[in-house]
C-alpha atoms as a PDB file:
ATOM      1  CA  MET A   1     -21.295   1.549  -0.224  1.00  0.00           C
ATOM      2  CA  TRP A   2     -20.050  -1.834  -0.857  1.00  0.00           C
ATOM      3  CA  GLY A   3     -18.598  -1.245  -3.512  1.00  0.00           C
ATOM      4  CA  ARG A   4     -16.129   1.530  -1.923  1.00  0.00           C
ATOM      5  CA  LEU A   5     -15.261  -0.907   0.518  1.00  0.00           C
ATOM      6  CA  SER A   6     -14.300  -3.829  -1.505  1.00  0.00           C
ATOM      7  CA  ALA A   7     -12.216  -1.471  -3.760  1.00  0.00           C
ATOM      8  CA  GLY A   8     -10.329  -0.598  -0.629  1.00  0.00           C
ATOM      9  CA  ALA A   9     -10.136  -4.387   0.915  1.00  0.00           C
ATOM     10  CA  LEU A  10      -8.969  -5.751  -1.943  1.00  0.00           C
ATOM     11  CA  LEU A  11      -6.339  -3.499  -2.876  1.00  0.00           C
ATOM     12  CA  GLY A  12      -5.546  -1.788   0.084  1.00  0.00           C
ATOM     13  CA  LEU A  13      -4.121  -4.932   1.041  1.00  0.00           C
ATOM     14  CA  PRO A  14      -1.659  -4.742  -1.781  1.00  0.00           C
ATOM     15  CA  LEU A  15      -0.934  -0.978  -1.352  1.00  0.00           C
ATOM     16  CA  ALA A  16      -0.271  -1.629   2.373  1.00  0.00           C
ATOM     17  CA  VAL A  17       2.123  -4.214   1.572  1.00  0.00           C
ATOM     18  CA  PHE A  18       3.933  -2.052  -1.121  1.00  0.00           C
ATOM     19  CA  ALA A  19       4.210   1.367   0.621  1.00  0.00           C
ATOM     20  CA  VAL A  20       5.374  -0.666   4.162  1.00  0.00           C
ATOM     21  CA  GLY A  21       7.877  -2.817   1.912  1.00  0.00           C
ATOM     22  CA  THR A  22       9.192   0.540  -0.333  1.00  0.00           C
ATOM     23  CA  LEU A  23       9.993   2.486   3.061  1.00  0.00           C
ATOM     24  CA  VAL A  24      11.302  -0.809   5.027  1.00  0.00           C
ATOM     25  CA  TYR A  25      13.359  -1.152   1.458  1.00  0.00           C
ATOM     26  CA  ALA A  26      14.766   2.236   1.220  1.00  0.00           C
ATOM     27  CA  TRP A  27      15.284   2.481   5.264  1.00  0.00           C
ATOM     28  CA  PRO A  28      19.363   2.986   5.974  1.00  0.00           C
ATOM     29  CA  GLY A  29      20.601  -0.073   6.708  1.00  0.00           C
ATOM     30  CA  ARG A  30      19.713  -3.537   5.727  1.00  0.00           C
ATOM     31  CA  TRP A  31      16.263  -4.383   4.965  1.00  0.00           C
ATOM     32  CA  GLN A  32      16.379  -7.736   6.630  1.00  0.00           C
ATOM     33  CA  ASP A  33      16.206  -5.471  10.201  1.00  0.00           C
ATOM     34  CA  GLY A  34      12.868  -3.504   8.984  1.00  0.00           C
ATOM     35  CA  MET A  35      10.986  -6.676   8.191  1.00  0.00           C
ATOM     36  CA  VAL A  36       9.134  -7.552  11.700  1.00  0.00           C
ATOM     37  CA  PRO A  37       8.682  -3.386  12.667  1.00  0.00           C
ATOM     38  CA  GLY A  38       7.289  -3.543   8.545  1.00  0.00           C
ATOM     39  CA  MET A  39       5.290  -6.612   8.920  1.00  0.00           C
ATOM     40  CA  LEU A  40       3.628  -4.947  11.809  1.00  0.00           C
ATOM     41  CA  ALA A  41       3.035  -1.983  10.212  1.00  0.00           C
ATOM     42  CA  ILE A  42       1.270  -3.294   7.263  1.00  0.00           C
ATOM     43  CA  VAL A  43      -1.808  -4.257   9.029  1.00  0.00           C
ATOM     44  CA  PRO A  44      -2.729  -0.658  10.374  1.00  0.00           C
ATOM     45  CA  ALA A  45      -2.035   0.934   7.145  1.00  0.00           C
ATOM     46  CA  TRP A  46      -4.397  -1.779   5.405  1.00  0.00           C
ATOM     47  CA  LEU A  47      -7.280  -1.183   8.148  1.00  0.00           C
ATOM     48  CA  ALA A  48      -6.598   2.750   7.115  1.00  0.00           C
ATOM     49  CA  ILE A  49      -6.931   2.337   3.078  1.00  0.00           C
ATOM     50  CA  VAL A  50     -10.380   0.196   4.299  1.00  0.00           C
ATOM     51  CA  ALA A  51     -11.546   2.999   6.620  1.00  0.00           C
ATOM     52  CA  ALA A  52     -10.831   5.582   4.310  1.00  0.00           C
ATOM     53  CA  SER A  53     -12.004   4.281   0.855  1.00  0.00           C
ATOM     54  CA  PRO A  54     -16.166   4.937   2.104  1.00  0.00           C
ATOM     55  CA  LEU A  55     -15.091   8.785   1.656  1.00  0.00           C
ATOM     56  CA  PHE A  56     -14.553   8.254  -2.098  1.00  0.00           C
ATOM     57  CA  ARG A  57     -17.951   9.852  -4.090  1.00  0.00           C
ATOM     58  CA  SER A  58     -18.089   6.717  -5.904  1.00  0.00           C
ATOM     59  CA  ALA A  59     -17.034   2.802  -6.390  1.00  0.00           C
ATOM     60  CA  VAL A  60     -15.446   3.231  -9.516  1.00  0.00           C
ATOM     61  CA  ARG A  61     -13.745   6.535  -8.232  1.00  0.00           C
ATOM     62  CA  ALA A  62     -11.958   3.899  -5.438  1.00  0.00           C
ATOM     63  CA  TRP A  63     -11.086   1.216  -7.672  1.00  0.00           C
ATOM     64  CA  VAL A  64      -9.030   3.557 -10.159  1.00  0.00           C
ATOM     65  CA  VAL A  65      -7.678   5.621  -7.659  1.00  0.00           C
ATOM     66  CA  LEU A  66      -6.949   2.397  -5.447  1.00  0.00           C
ATOM     67  CA  ALA A  67      -5.702   0.750  -8.140  1.00  0.00           C
ATOM     68  CA  LEU A  68      -3.428   3.926  -9.268  1.00  0.00           C
ATOM     69  CA  ALA A  69      -1.873   4.086  -5.923  1.00  0.00           C
ATOM     70  CA  THR A  70      -1.576   0.732  -6.316  1.00  0.00           C
ATOM     71  CA  LEU A  71       1.233   0.566  -9.627  1.00  0.00           C
ATOM     72  CA  ALA A  72       2.277   3.629  -8.164  1.00  0.00           C
ATOM     73  CA  ALA A  73       3.173   1.954  -5.272  1.00  0.00           C
ATOM     74  CA  PHE A  74       4.705  -1.159  -7.176  1.00  0.00           C
ATOM     75  CA  ALA A  75       6.754   1.204  -9.451  1.00  0.00           C
ATOM     76  CA  ALA A  76       7.973   2.826  -6.371  1.00  0.00           C
ATOM     77  CA  LEU A  77       9.097  -0.360  -4.882  1.00  0.00           C
ATOM     78  CA  SER A  78      11.035  -1.881  -8.087  1.00  0.00           C
ATOM     79  CA  ALA A  79      12.287   1.434  -8.783  1.00  0.00           C
ATOM     80  CA  ALA A  80      14.040   1.407  -5.492  1.00  0.00           C
ATOM     81  CA  ARG A  81      15.529  -2.344  -6.129  1.00  0.00           C
ATOM     82  CA  LEU A  82      16.669  -1.576  -9.342  1.00  0.00           C
ATOM     83  CA  LEU A  83      18.609   1.694  -7.807  1.00  0.00           C
ATOM     84  CA  GLY A  84      20.307  -0.511  -5.161  1.00  0.00           C
ATOM     85  CA  ALA A  85      18.241   1.446  -2.052  1.00  0.00           C
END
């Protein structure tokens, strides 16, 4: 259980930041206008990831899935920036 919770806590924060950042950056209009709502949305997103992390079957699966999700969110944010969204 502690391995799954630590995966959610450690990998959940960058996943929440990247996911919310991608939404804020891809939102229509200036990205600066969505910064405050985006920063406020990071904490509930992170808490949701941490709360859902014990649902994984094992700690290894939690680390792998959350690491891949974090990498995918980082790739989506980078793609949004490169494409000029």
